[in-house]
C-alpha atoms as a PDB file:
ATOM      1  CA  MET A   1      -3.076  19.994 -34.283  1.00  0.00           C
ATOM      2  CA  ARG A   2      -0.473  18.714 -31.822  1.00  0.00           C
ATOM      3  CA  LYS A   3      -1.891  20.953 -29.094  1.00  0.00           C
ATOM      4  CA  SER A   4      -5.385  19.610 -29.765  1.00  0.00           C
ATOM      5  CA  ASN A   5      -4.198  15.985 -29.531  1.00  0.00           C
ATOM      6  CA  LYS A   6      -2.363  16.712 -26.289  1.00  0.00           C
ATOM      7  CA  MET A   7      -5.450  18.332 -24.775  1.00  0.00           C
ATOM      8  CA  LYS A   8      -7.548  15.358 -25.847  1.00  0.00           C
ATOM      9  CA  GLN A   9      -5.060  12.990 -24.203  1.00  0.00           C
ATOM     10  CA  ILE A  10      -5.186  14.928 -20.939  1.00  0.00           C
ATOM     11  CA  VAL A  11      -9.000  14.919 -20.880  1.00  0.00           C
ATOM     12  CA  ILE A  12      -9.118  11.160 -21.526  1.00  0.00           C
ATOM     13  CA  ALA A  13      -6.516  10.576 -18.820  1.00  0.00           C
ATOM     14  CA  LEU A  14      -8.519  12.607 -16.316  1.00  0.00           C
ATOM     15  CA  LEU A  15     -11.699  10.682 -17.101  1.00  0.00           C
ATOM     16  CA  ILE A  16      -9.932   7.331 -16.665  1.00  0.00           C
ATOM     17  CA  THR A  17      -8.389   8.430 -13.380  1.00  0.00           C
ATOM     18  CA  MET A  18     -11.681   9.693 -11.977  1.00  0.00           C
ATOM     19  CA  PHE A  19     -14.213   7.127 -13.175  1.00  0.00           C
ATOM     20  CA  LEU A  20     -12.391   3.782 -13.379  1.00  0.00           C
ATOM     21  CA  PRO A  21     -12.282   3.371  -9.576  1.00  0.00           C
ATOM     22  CA  SER A  22     -15.970   4.314  -9.312  1.00  0.00           C
ATOM     23  CA  THR A  23     -16.909   1.599 -11.801  1.00  0.00           C
ATOM     24  CA  LEU A  24     -14.922  -0.983  -9.868  1.00  0.00           C
ATOM     25  CA  LEU A  25     -16.432   0.086  -6.556  1.00  0.00           C
ATOM     26  CA  ILE A  26     -19.937  -0.364  -7.924  1.00  0.00           C
ATOM     27  CA  ALA A  27     -19.000  -3.802  -9.272  1.00  0.00           C
ATOM     28  CA  GLN A  28     -17.808  -4.819  -5.803  1.00  0.00           C
ATOM     29  CA  LYS A  29     -20.964  -3.739  -3.938  1.00  0.00           C
ATOM     30  CA  GLY A  30     -22.332  -6.127  -1.347  1.00  0.00           C
ATOM     31  CA  ASP A  31     -22.411  -6.828   2.342  1.00  0.00           C
ATOM     32  CA  GLU A  32     -18.714  -6.604   3.162  1.00  0.00           C
ATOM     33  CA  ASN A  33     -19.268  -7.926   6.678  1.00  0.00           C
ATOM     34  CA  ASP A  34     -20.404 -11.238   5.181  1.00  0.00           C
ATOM     35  CA  LYS A  35     -17.118 -11.440   3.242  1.00  0.00           C
ATOM     36  CA  ALA A  36     -14.808 -11.118   6.249  1.00  0.00           C
ATOM     37  CA  GLY A  37     -12.426 -14.067   6.403  1.00  0.00           C
ATOM     38  CA  VAL A  38     -13.052 -15.285   2.843  1.00  0.00           C
ATOM     39  CA  VAL A  39      -9.816 -13.877   1.414  1.00  0.00           C
ATOM     40  CA  GLY A  40      -6.210 -14.692   2.232  1.00  0.00           C
ATOM     41  CA  PHE A  41      -2.815 -13.007   2.038  1.00  0.00           C
ATOM     42  CA  LYS A  42      -4.152 -10.101   4.100  1.00  0.00           C
ATOM     43  CA  PHE A  43      -0.599  -8.913   4.725  1.00  0.00           C
ATOM     44  CA  LEU A  44      -0.843  -7.312   1.279  1.00  0.00           C
ATOM     45  CA  ASN A  45      -3.322  -4.810   2.773  1.00  0.00           C
ATOM     46  CA  LEU A  46      -0.882  -3.576   5.423  1.00  0.00           C
ATOM     47  CA  SER A  47       0.556  -0.064   5.162  1.00  0.00           C
ATOM     48  CA  TYR A  48       4.191  -0.195   4.049  1.00  0.00           C
ATOM     49  CA  GLY A  49       5.892   3.150   4.634  1.00  0.00           C
ATOM     50  CA  ALA A  50       5.520   5.659   7.472  1.00  0.00           C
ATOM     51  CA  ARG A  51       4.504   8.590   5.256  1.00  0.00           C
ATOM     52  CA  GLY A  52       1.609   6.701   3.696  1.00  0.00           C
ATOM     53  CA  THR A  53       0.498   5.369   7.064  1.00  0.00           C
ATOM     54  CA  ALA A  54       0.445   8.868   8.566  1.00  0.00           C
ATOM     55  CA  LEU A  55      -1.647  10.132   5.631  1.00  0.00           C
ATOM     56  CA  GLY A  56      -4.012   7.162   5.332  1.00  0.00           C
ATOM     57  CA  GLY A  57      -2.832   6.326   1.809  1.00  0.00           C
ATOM     58  CA  LEU A  58      -0.848   7.793  -1.067  1.00  0.00           C
ATOM     59  CA  ALA A  59      -2.960   7.175  -4.153  1.00  0.00           C
ATOM     60  CA  ALA A  60      -2.484  10.756  -5.358  1.00  0.00           C
ATOM     61  CA  GLN A  61       0.797  11.837  -3.761  1.00  0.00           C
ATOM     62  CA  ALA A  62       3.050   8.741  -3.829  1.00  0.00           C
ATOM     63  CA  SER A  63       6.320   9.680  -5.528  1.00  0.00           C
ATOM     64  CA  GLY A  64       9.599   7.917  -6.234  1.00  0.00           C
ATOM     65  CA  ALA A  65      10.588   4.607  -4.647  1.00  0.00           C
ATOM     66  CA  GLU A  66       7.815   4.733  -2.001  1.00  0.00           C
ATOM     67  CA  ALA A  67       5.246   4.505  -4.814  1.00  0.00           C
ATOM     68  CA  MET A  68       5.973   0.779  -5.269  1.00  0.00           C
ATOM     69  CA  PHE A  69       3.960   0.158  -2.085  1.00  0.00           C
ATOM     70  CA  TRP A  70       1.111   2.623  -2.766  1.00  0.00           C
ATOM     71  CA  ASN A  71       0.621   3.526  -6.442  1.00  0.00           C
ATOM     72  CA  PRO A  72       3.183   2.469  -9.086  1.00  0.00           C
ATOM     73  CA  ALA A  73       2.219   5.432 -11.280  1.00  0.00           C
ATOM     74  CA  GLY A  74       4.041   7.619  -8.748  1.00  0.00           C
ATOM     75  CA  LEU A  75       7.363   5.999  -9.682  1.00  0.00           C
ATOM     76  CA  THR A  76       7.668   8.669 -12.369  1.00  0.00           C
ATOM     77  CA  GLY A  77       8.457  11.144  -9.585  1.00  0.00           C
ATOM     78  CA  ALA A  78      11.934   9.585  -9.278  1.00  0.00           C
ATOM     79  CA  THR A  79      14.627  11.801 -10.809  1.00  0.00           C
ATOM     80  CA  GLY A  80      17.465   9.358 -10.045  1.00  0.00           C
ATOM     81  CA  ILE A  81      18.155   6.123  -8.212  1.00  0.00           C
ATOM     82  CA  GLY A  82      16.063   5.930  -5.055  1.00  0.00           C
ATOM     83  CA  PHE A  83      16.085   3.565  -2.076  1.00  0.00           C
ATOM     84  CA  THR A  84      13.480   3.000   0.615  1.00  0.00           C
ATOM     85  CA  PHE A  85      13.271   0.863   3.748  1.00  0.00           C
ATOM     86  CA  GLY A  86      10.585   0.586   6.394  1.00  0.00           C
ATOM     87  CA  GLN A  87       9.939  -1.377   9.571  1.00  0.00           C
ATOM     88  CA  THR A  88       6.872  -1.706  11.772  1.00  0.00           C
ATOM     89  CA  GLN A  89       6.632  -3.274  15.218  1.00  0.00           C
ATOM     90  CA  TRP A  90       3.064  -4.502  14.967  1.00  0.00           C
ATOM     91  CA  PHE A  91       1.028  -6.494  17.503  1.00  0.00           C
ATOM     92  CA  VAL A  92       2.668  -8.834  20.054  1.00  0.00           C
ATOM     93  CA  GLU A  93       5.778 -10.324  18.346  1.00  0.00           C
ATOM     94  CA  THR A  94       4.734  -9.468  14.791  1.00  0.00           C
ATOM     95  CA  THR A  95       6.989  -7.229  12.723  1.00  0.00           C
ATOM     96  CA  TYR A  96       6.837  -6.336   9.054  1.00  0.00           C
ATOM     97  CA  ASN A  97       9.359  -4.760   6.719  1.00  0.00           C
ATOM     98  CA  ASN A  98       9.597  -3.313   3.248  1.00  0.00           C
ATOM     99  CA  VAL A  99      12.608  -2.499   1.099  1.00  0.00           C
ATOM    100  CA  GLY A 100      12.896  -1.289  -2.484  1.00  0.00           C
ATOM    101  CA  VAL A 101      15.009   0.425  -5.111  1.00  0.00           C
ATOM    102  CA  ALA A 102      13.885   2.395  -8.172  1.00  0.00           C
ATOM    103  CA  MET A 103      15.722   3.954 -11.110  1.00  0.00           C
ATOM    104  CA  PRO A 104      14.887   5.665 -14.420  1.00  0.00           C
ATOM    105  CA  LEU A 105      15.102   3.134 -17.270  1.00  0.00           C
ATOM    106  CA  ALA A 106      13.467   2.237 -20.588  1.00  0.00           C
ATOM    107  CA  GLY A 107      11.593   5.495 -21.001  1.00  0.00           C
ATOM    108  CA  GLY A 108      10.142   5.330 -17.509  1.00  0.00           C
ATOM    109  CA  VAL A 109      11.096   4.234 -14.003  1.00  0.00           C
ATOM    110  CA  ILE A 110      11.590   0.612 -12.962  1.00  0.00           C
ATOM    111  CA  GLY A 111      11.594  -0.649  -9.386  1.00  0.00           C
ATOM    112  CA  ALA A 112      12.165  -3.852  -7.428  1.00  0.00           C
ATOM    113  CA  SER A 113      10.914  -4.345  -3.881  1.00  0.00           C
ATOM    114  CA  MET A 114      10.093  -6.842  -1.173  1.00  0.00           C
ATOM    115  CA  ILE A 115       7.613  -6.897   1.691  1.00  0.00           C
ATOM    116  CA  SER A 116       7.748  -9.443   4.506  1.00  0.00           C
ATOM    117  CA  VAL A 117       5.922 -10.230   7.738  1.00  0.00           C
ATOM    118  CA  ASN A 118       7.232 -12.328  10.643  1.00  0.00           C
ATOM    119  CA  TYR A 119       4.644 -13.383  13.210  1.00  0.00           C
ATOM    120  CA  GLY A 120       7.130 -14.674  15.788  1.00  0.00           C
ATOM    121  CA  ASP A 121       6.780 -17.920  17.754  1.00  0.00           C
ATOM    122  CA  MET A 122       3.300 -19.254  18.510  1.00  0.00           C
ATOM    123  CA  MET A 123       2.155 -22.179  20.650  1.00  0.00           C
ATOM    124  CA  LYS A 124       1.143 -25.279  18.732  1.00  0.00           C
ATOM    125  CA  SER A 125      -1.805 -27.439  19.805  1.00  0.00           C
ATOM    126  CA  GLY A 126      -3.716 -30.283  18.189  1.00  0.00           C
ATOM    127  CA  TRP A 127      -4.442 -34.000  18.080  1.00  0.00           C
ATOM    128  CA  ALA A 128      -1.592 -36.489  18.524  1.00  0.00           C
ATOM    129  CA  GLY A 129      -1.059 -40.224  19.104  1.00  0.00           C
ATOM    130  CA  ASP A 130      -0.454 -43.480  17.214  1.00  0.00           C
ATOM    131  CA  THR A 131      -3.391 -45.659  18.259  1.00  0.00           C
ATOM    132  CA  GLU A 132      -5.583 -43.172  20.098  1.00  0.00           C
ATOM    133  CA  TYR A 133      -5.831 -39.511  19.264  1.00  0.00           C
ATOM    134  CA  ILE A 134      -5.470 -37.218  22.268  1.00  0.00           C
ATOM    135  CA  PHE A 135      -5.778 -33.456  22.153  1.00  0.00           C
ATOM    136  CA  GLN A 136      -2.600 -31.803  23.395  1.00  0.00           C
ATOM    137  CA  ALA A 137      -2.790 -28.113  24.257  1.00  0.00           C
ATOM    138  CA  ASN A 138       0.955 -27.573  24.076  1.00  0.00           C
ATOM    139  CA  GLN A 139       2.996 -29.295  21.372  1.00  0.00           C
ATOM    140  CA  GLY A 140       5.804 -26.771  21.282  1.00  0.00           C
ATOM    141  CA  THR A 141       5.908 -23.731  19.028  1.00  0.00           C
ATOM    142  CA  PHE A 142       5.683 -22.925  15.345  1.00  0.00           C
ATOM    143  CA  THR A 143       6.390 -19.900  13.180  1.00  0.00           C
ATOM    144  CA  ALA A 144       4.558 -18.195  10.336  1.00  0.00           C
ATOM    145  CA  SER A 145       5.675 -15.673   7.748  1.00  0.00           C
ATOM    146  CA  ASP A 146       4.540 -13.901   4.580  1.00  0.00           C
ATOM    147  CA  MET A 147       6.554 -12.455   1.721  1.00  0.00           C
ATOM    148  CA  ALA A 148       6.022 -10.764  -1.634  1.00  0.00           C
ATOM    149  CA  LEU A 149       8.661  -9.984  -4.263  1.00  0.00           C
ATOM    150  CA  GLN A 150       7.580  -7.128  -6.533  1.00  0.00           C
ATOM    151  CA  LEU A 151       8.637  -5.700  -9.892  1.00  0.00           C
ATOM    152  CA  SER A 152       7.163  -2.295 -10.794  1.00  0.00           C
ATOM    153  CA  TYR A 153       7.230   0.082 -13.755  1.00  0.00           C
ATOM    154  CA  GLY A 154       5.908   3.623 -14.118  1.00  0.00           C
ATOM    155  CA  ARG A 155       5.765   5.840 -17.193  1.00  0.00           C
ATOM    156  CA  LYS A 156       4.559   9.317 -18.103  1.00  0.00           C
ATOM    157  CA  LEU A 157       2.121   9.423 -21.019  1.00  0.00           C
ATOM    158  CA  SER A 158       2.197  13.223 -20.927  1.00  0.00           C
ATOM    159  CA  ASP A 159       3.640  15.886 -18.648  1.00  0.00           C
ATOM    160  CA  LYS A 160       0.531  15.543 -16.458  1.00  0.00           C
ATOM    161  CA  PHE A 161      -0.579  11.915 -16.698  1.00  0.00           C
ATOM    162  CA  SER A 162       1.294   8.830 -15.438  1.00  0.00           C
ATOM    163  CA  ILE A 163       0.511   5.134 -15.344  1.00  0.00           C
ATOM    164  CA  GLY A 164       2.221   2.269 -13.556  1.00  0.00           C
ATOM    165  CA  GLY A 165       1.978  -1.417 -12.797  1.00  0.00           C
ATOM    166  CA  THR A 166       3.360  -3.987 -10.379  1.00  0.00           C
ATOM    167  CA  ALA A 167       3.681  -7.766 -10.633  1.00  0.00           C
ATOM    168  CA  LYS A 168       4.209  -9.611  -7.365  1.00  0.00           C
ATOM    169  CA  SER A 169       5.124 -13.164  -6.389  1.00  0.00           C
ATOM    170  CA  ILE A 170       3.394 -13.993  -3.094  1.00  0.00           C
ATOM    171  CA  THR A 171       4.293 -16.683  -0.552  1.00  0.00           C
ATOM    172  CA  GLN A 172       2.685 -17.597   2.760  1.00  0.00           C
ATOM    173  CA  ASP A 173       4.342 -20.098   5.135  1.00  0.00           C
ATOM    174  CA  ILE A 174       2.606 -21.487   8.238  1.00  0.00           C
ATOM    175  CA  ASP A 175       4.666 -24.106  10.064  1.00  0.00           C
ATOM    176  CA  GLY A 176       6.129 -25.368   6.786  1.00  0.00           C
ATOM    177  CA  ASP A 177       2.822 -25.440   4.883  1.00  0.00           C
ATOM    178  CA  LYS A 178       3.085 -23.013   1.988  1.00  0.00           C
ATOM    179  CA  MET A 179       0.866 -21.288  -0.529  1.00  0.00           C
ATOM    180  CA  SER A 180       2.100 -19.090  -3.341  1.00  0.00           C
ATOM    181  CA  GLY A 181       0.594 -17.122  -6.179  1.00  0.00           C
ATOM    182  CA  MET A 182       0.789 -14.020  -8.347  1.00  0.00           C
ATOM    183  CA  GLY A 183      -0.856 -10.645  -7.914  1.00  0.00           C
ATOM    184  CA  PHE A 184      -0.911  -7.378  -9.842  1.00  0.00           C
ATOM    185  CA  ASP A 185      -1.406  -3.654  -9.212  1.00  0.00           C
ATOM    186  CA  PHE A 186      -2.308  -0.952 -11.711  1.00  0.00           C
ATOM    187  CA  GLY A 187      -2.353   2.773 -10.968  1.00  0.00           C
ATOM    188  CA  THR A 188      -2.760   6.198 -12.518  1.00  0.00           C
ATOM    189  CA  GLN A 189      -1.929   9.735 -11.411  1.00  0.00           C
ATOM    190  CA  PHE A 190      -3.008  13.033 -12.921  1.00  0.00           C
ATOM    191  CA  ASP A 191      -1.551  16.478 -12.212  1.00  0.00           C
ATOM    192  CA  VAL A 192      -4.433  18.911 -12.657  1.00  0.00           C
ATOM    193  CA  GLY A 193      -2.040  21.861 -12.878  1.00  0.00           C
ATOM    194  CA  ILE A 194      -4.078  24.071 -10.548  1.00  0.00           C
ATOM    195  CA  ASN A 195      -3.141  24.715  -6.918  1.00  0.00           C
ATOM    196  CA  ASN A 196      -0.827  21.666  -6.872  1.00  0.00           C
ATOM    197  CA  MET A 197      -3.891  19.439  -7.221  1.00  0.00           C
ATOM    198  CA  ARG A 198      -3.223  15.778  -8.039  1.00  0.00           C
ATOM    199  CA  ILE A 199      -5.614  12.884  -8.514  1.00  0.00           C
ATOM    200  CA  GLY A 200      -4.681   9.219  -8.234  1.00  0.00           C
ATOM    201  CA  ALA A 201      -6.297   5.814  -8.466  1.00  0.00           C
ATOM    202  CA  VAL A 202      -4.890   2.336  -7.913  1.00  0.00           C
ATOM    203  CA  ILE A 203      -6.209  -1.218  -8.141  1.00  0.00           C
ATOM    204  CA  SER A 204      -4.183  -3.579  -5.961  1.00  0.00           C
ATOM    205  CA  ASN A 205      -3.824  -7.333  -5.521  1.00  0.00           C
ATOM    206  CA  PHE A 206      -5.936  -8.595  -8.364  1.00  0.00           C
ATOM    207  CA  GLY A 207      -5.172 -12.063  -9.704  1.00  0.00           C
ATOM    208  CA  ALA A 208      -6.274 -15.683  -9.773  1.00  0.00           C
ATOM    209  CA  ASP A 209      -7.343 -17.523  -6.620  1.00  0.00           C
ATOM    210  CA  VAL A 210      -4.574 -19.554  -4.989  1.00  0.00           C
ATOM    211  CA  ASP A 211      -4.552 -23.250  -3.993  1.00  0.00           C
ATOM    212  CA  PRO A 212      -2.136 -24.777  -1.448  1.00  0.00           C
ATOM    213  CA  ILE A 213       1.085 -25.851  -3.152  1.00  0.00           C
ATOM    214  CA  GLU A 214       1.165 -29.451  -1.947  1.00  0.00           C
ATOM    215  CA  THR A 215      -2.388 -30.752  -1.672  1.00  0.00           C
ATOM    216  CA  LYS A 216      -4.302 -28.812  -4.330  1.00  0.00           C
ATOM    217  CA  LYS A 217      -7.474 -30.055  -2.589  1.00  0.00           C
ATOM    218  CA  GLU A 218      -8.608 -27.278  -0.267  1.00  0.00           C
ATOM    219  CA  THR A 219     -10.858 -24.443  -1.292  1.00  0.00           C
ATOM    220  CA  ALA A 220      -8.961 -21.815  -3.260  1.00  0.00           C
ATOM    221  CA  THR A 221      -8.011 -18.600  -1.461  1.00  0.00           C
ATOM    222  CA  ALA A 222      -8.810 -15.219  -3.036  1.00  0.00           C
ATOM    223  CA  LEU A 223      -6.392 -12.297  -3.021  1.00  0.00           C
ATOM    224  CA  PRO A 224      -7.368  -9.196  -0.971  1.00  0.00           C
ATOM    225  CA  GLU A 225      -8.323  -6.929  -3.862  1.00  0.00           C
ATOM    226  CA  THR A 226      -8.307  -3.232  -3.000  1.00  0.00           C
ATOM    227  CA  PHE A 227      -9.355  -0.116  -4.900  1.00  0.00           C
ATOM    228  CA  GLN A 228      -8.204   3.327  -3.798  1.00  0.00           C
ATOM    229  CA  PHE A 229      -8.962   6.803  -5.109  1.00  0.00           C
ATOM    230  CA  GLY A 230      -7.242   9.919  -3.799  1.00  0.00           C
ATOM    231  CA  VAL A 231      -7.090  13.657  -4.342  1.00  0.00           C
ATOM    232  CA  VAL A 232      -4.720  16.196  -2.792  1.00  0.00           C
ATOM    233  CA  ALA A 233      -4.282  19.966  -3.206  1.00  0.00           C
ATOM    234  CA  GLN A 234      -2.498  22.943  -1.671  1.00  0.00           C
ATOM    235  CA  ALA A 235      -4.687  24.323   1.121  1.00  0.00           C
ATOM    236  CA  PHE A 236      -2.398  27.321   1.674  1.00  0.00           C
ATOM    237  CA  GLY A 237       1.210  28.337   1.117  1.00  0.00           C
ATOM    238  CA  ASP A 238       3.409  26.296  -1.200  1.00  0.00           C
ATOM    239  CA  GLU A 239       5.355  23.025  -1.199  1.00  0.00           C
ATOM    240  CA  ASN A 240       8.182  24.548   0.864  1.00  0.00           C
ATOM    241  CA  MET A 241       6.029  26.249   3.475  1.00  0.00           C
ATOM    242  CA  GLY A 242       2.368  25.347   3.560  1.00  0.00           C
ATOM    243  CA  LEU A 243      -0.323  22.711   3.955  1.00  0.00           C
ATOM    244  CA  MET A 244      -1.327  19.997   1.497  1.00  0.00           C
ATOM    245  CA  ALA A 245      -4.766  18.562   2.291  1.00  0.00           C
ATOM    246  CA  GLY A 246      -6.321  15.487   0.760  1.00  0.00           C
ATOM    247  CA  MET A 247      -8.696  12.572   0.910  1.00  0.00           C
ATOM    248  CA  ASN A 248      -8.416   8.850   0.138  1.00  0.00           C
ATOM    249  CA  VAL A 249     -11.342   6.504  -0.457  1.00  0.00           C
ATOM    250  CA  THR A 250     -10.441   2.834  -0.062  1.00  0.00           C
ATOM    251  CA  LYS A 251     -12.637  -0.108  -1.020  1.00  0.00           C
ATOM    252  CA  TYR A 252     -11.674  -3.570   0.259  1.00  0.00           C
ATOM    253  CA  SER A 253     -13.081  -6.795  -1.162  1.00  0.00           C
ATOM    254  CA  ASP A 254     -13.851  -8.085   2.346  1.00  0.00           C
ATOM    255  CA  ALA A 255     -14.370  -4.994   4.518  1.00  0.00           C
ATOM    256  CA  ALA A 256     -16.297  -1.747   4.690  1.00  0.00           C
ATOM    257  CA  GLN A 257     -15.286   1.207   2.557  1.00  0.00           C
ATOM    258  CA  ARG A 258     -12.886   3.597   4.310  1.00  0.00           C
ATOM    259  CA  TYR A 259     -12.645   7.379   3.989  1.00  0.00           C
ATOM    260  CA  SER A 260      -9.404   9.052   5.070  1.00  0.00           C
ATOM    261  CA  PHE A 261      -8.901  12.804   5.470  1.00  0.00           C
ATOM    262  CA  ASN A 262      -5.307  13.957   5.738  1.00  0.00           C
ATOM    263  CA  GLY A 263      -2.963  16.911   5.911  1.00  0.00           C
ATOM    264  CA  GLU A 264       0.788  17.355   5.427  1.00  0.00           C
ATOM    265  CA  PHE A 265       2.407  20.575   6.616  1.00  0.00           C
ATOM    266  CA  SER A 266       5.806  21.492   5.154  1.00  0.00           C
ATOM    267  CA  LEU A 267       8.236  23.605   7.152  1.00  0.00           C
ATOM    268  CA  MET A 268      11.051  25.233   5.195  1.00  0.00           C
ATOM    269  CA  GLY A 269      11.049  22.297   2.777  1.00  0.00           C
ATOM    270  CA  THR A 270      12.967  20.088   5.228  1.00  0.00           C
ATOM    271  CA  ALA A 271      10.449  19.040   7.891  1.00  0.00           C
ATOM    272  CA  LYS A 272       6.946  17.560   7.593  1.00  0.00           C
ATOM    273  CA  ILE A 273       4.099  17.207  10.080  1.00  0.00           C
ATOM    274  CA  ARG A 274       1.321  14.802   9.088  1.00  0.00           C
ATOM    275  CA  GLY A 275      -2.050  13.677  10.328  1.00  0.00           C
ATOM    276  CA  ASN A 276      -5.002  11.603   9.187  1.00  0.00           C
ATOM    277  CA  TYR A 277      -8.435  10.579  10.406  1.00  0.00           C
ATOM    278  CA  SER A 278     -10.224   7.586   8.878  1.00  0.00           C
ATOM    279  CA  THR A 279     -13.849   6.495   9.022  1.00  0.00           C
ATOM    280  CA  GLY A 280     -15.016   2.966   8.339  1.00  0.00           C
ATOM    281  CA  SER A 281     -11.955   1.381   9.974  1.00  0.00           C
ATOM    282  CA  THR A 282     -12.766  -0.710  13.040  1.00  0.00           C
ATOM    283  CA  GLN A 283      -9.191  -0.641  14.366  1.00  0.00           C
ATOM    284  CA  GLN A 284      -7.159   2.301  13.081  1.00  0.00           C
ATOM    285  CA  ARG A 285      -8.741   5.754  12.952  1.00  0.00           C
ATOM    286  CA  LEU A 286      -6.216   8.416  13.975  1.00  0.00           C
ATOM    287  CA  THR A 287      -2.636   8.465  12.704  1.00  0.00           C
ATOM    288  CA  LEU A 288       0.045  11.091  13.234  1.00  0.00           C
ATOM    289  CA  GLY A 289       3.563  11.386  11.905  1.00  0.00           C
ATOM    290  CA  GLY A 290       6.409  13.497  10.703  1.00  0.00           C
ATOM    291  CA  GLY A 291       9.478  13.499   8.538  1.00  0.00           C
ATOM    292  CA  ILE A 292      12.768  15.278   7.991  1.00  0.00           C
ATOM    293  CA  VAL A 293      15.195  15.579   5.069  1.00  0.00           C
ATOM    294  CA  VAL A 294      18.904  15.467   5.964  1.00  0.00           C
ATOM    295  CA  ALA A 295      21.709  15.294   3.364  1.00  0.00           C
ATOM    296  CA  GLY A 296      19.532  13.474   0.851  1.00  0.00           C
ATOM    297  CA  PHE A 297      18.074  11.093   3.437  1.00  0.00           C
ATOM    298  CA  VAL A 298      14.364  11.161   4.242  1.00  0.00           C
ATOM    299  CA  ILE A 299      13.471   9.902   7.726  1.00  0.00           C
ATOM    300  CA  ASP A 300       9.780   9.337   8.498  1.00  0.00           C
ATOM    301  CA  ILE A 301       7.834   8.139  11.524  1.00  0.00           C
ATOM    302  CA  ALA A 302       4.152   7.320  11.996  1.00  0.00           C
ATOM    303  CA  LEU A 303       2.100   6.624  15.118  1.00  0.00           C
ATOM    304  CA  ALA A 304      -1.160   4.776  14.541  1.00  0.00           C
ATOM    305  CA  SER A 305      -3.703   4.592  17.346  1.00  0.00           C
ATOM    306  CA  THR A 306      -5.671   1.317  17.400  1.00  0.00           C
ATOM    307  CA  SER A 307      -8.790   0.554  19.408  1.00  0.00           C
ATOM    308  CA  ASP A 308      -7.606  -2.776  20.854  1.00  0.00           C
ATOM    309  CA  PHE A 309      -3.812  -2.867  20.684  1.00  0.00           C
ATOM    310  CA  GLY A 310      -2.633   0.611  21.641  1.00  0.00           C
ATOM    311  CA  THR A 311      -0.251   2.621  19.475  1.00  0.00           C
ATOM    312  CA  VAL A 312       1.703   1.096  16.576  1.00  0.00           C
ATOM    313  CA  THR A 313       4.992   2.781  15.620  1.00  0.00           C
ATOM    314  CA  GLN A 314       6.369   2.746  12.098  1.00  0.00           C
ATOM    315  CA  PHE A 315       9.737   3.968  10.758  1.00  0.00           C
ATOM    316  CA  SER A 316      10.897   4.563   7.191  1.00  0.00           C
ATOM    317  CA  LEU A 317      14.176   5.629   5.631  1.00  0.00           C
ATOM    318  CA  GLY A 318      14.644   6.830   2.074  1.00  0.00           C
ATOM    319  CA  TYR A 319      17.548   8.088  -0.019  1.00  0.00           C
ATOM    320  CA  SER A 320      17.830   9.490  -3.532  1.00  0.00           C
ATOM    321  CA  LEU A 321      20.956   9.883  -5.637  1.00  0.00           C
END
């Protein structure tokens, strides 16, 4: 009887993992090009973590502390306290960072993290004057920044099926004018048990529209909802010496659907070589990267080729106790 119930649970979990994202994608159908620019807080759609960037997403294979930025269900892969930090030198003076810690607690794994973006100094222009307004092209400089504080939890419902969720407090600051709101992620992962195959799905950044803090008059800003489905399996060899190949399908609320095809080659269990090619992305198509494990530290790098801004370099550092 217990075996029958367990099998039933696994089948239900697999169906949820496979078909929930499809339902959401259908519900979001429309001309995405017409929706460009209608959502805010787009920094939430950036790739936080070099491994995930090099693979075009980690819906199925996110594990441990890194899962807080990709699929919270993957938090259950943490066997102890884990730390992660990442930094990206993006376009012009823009940099973004992520940091997080995760630990087993309360029957699952809990994690706390932060993501932030600094856009550097920008020239300010606009209308000025007391009695007569005059347009001034240079009124000095201003700064802009984004930040999200996140609390995540992942739990195994069986030895093969995991779920996870993230709540995030979001703040955007442009020259002292701020907006803030709340967003949520929900993810699942399923270990098929054949050929190291794993399936994952995650819904990110869903929540109520946000109004400016001070005025409450402008049109509300929607969060950049994203739905991602991924599958990965062992192409040859094993986890210590072999190739894992996978695919991620990403649906944005304001952009065309993206398909990413990736591979991660393991060398003696200590070094990784990664690559990904994406279709549907107007800027970033080819990404390459690698990683190495040294004395418990995981060091990753990713190089993303963009059509207009050259190559973007991303670094990540992780550690597990």
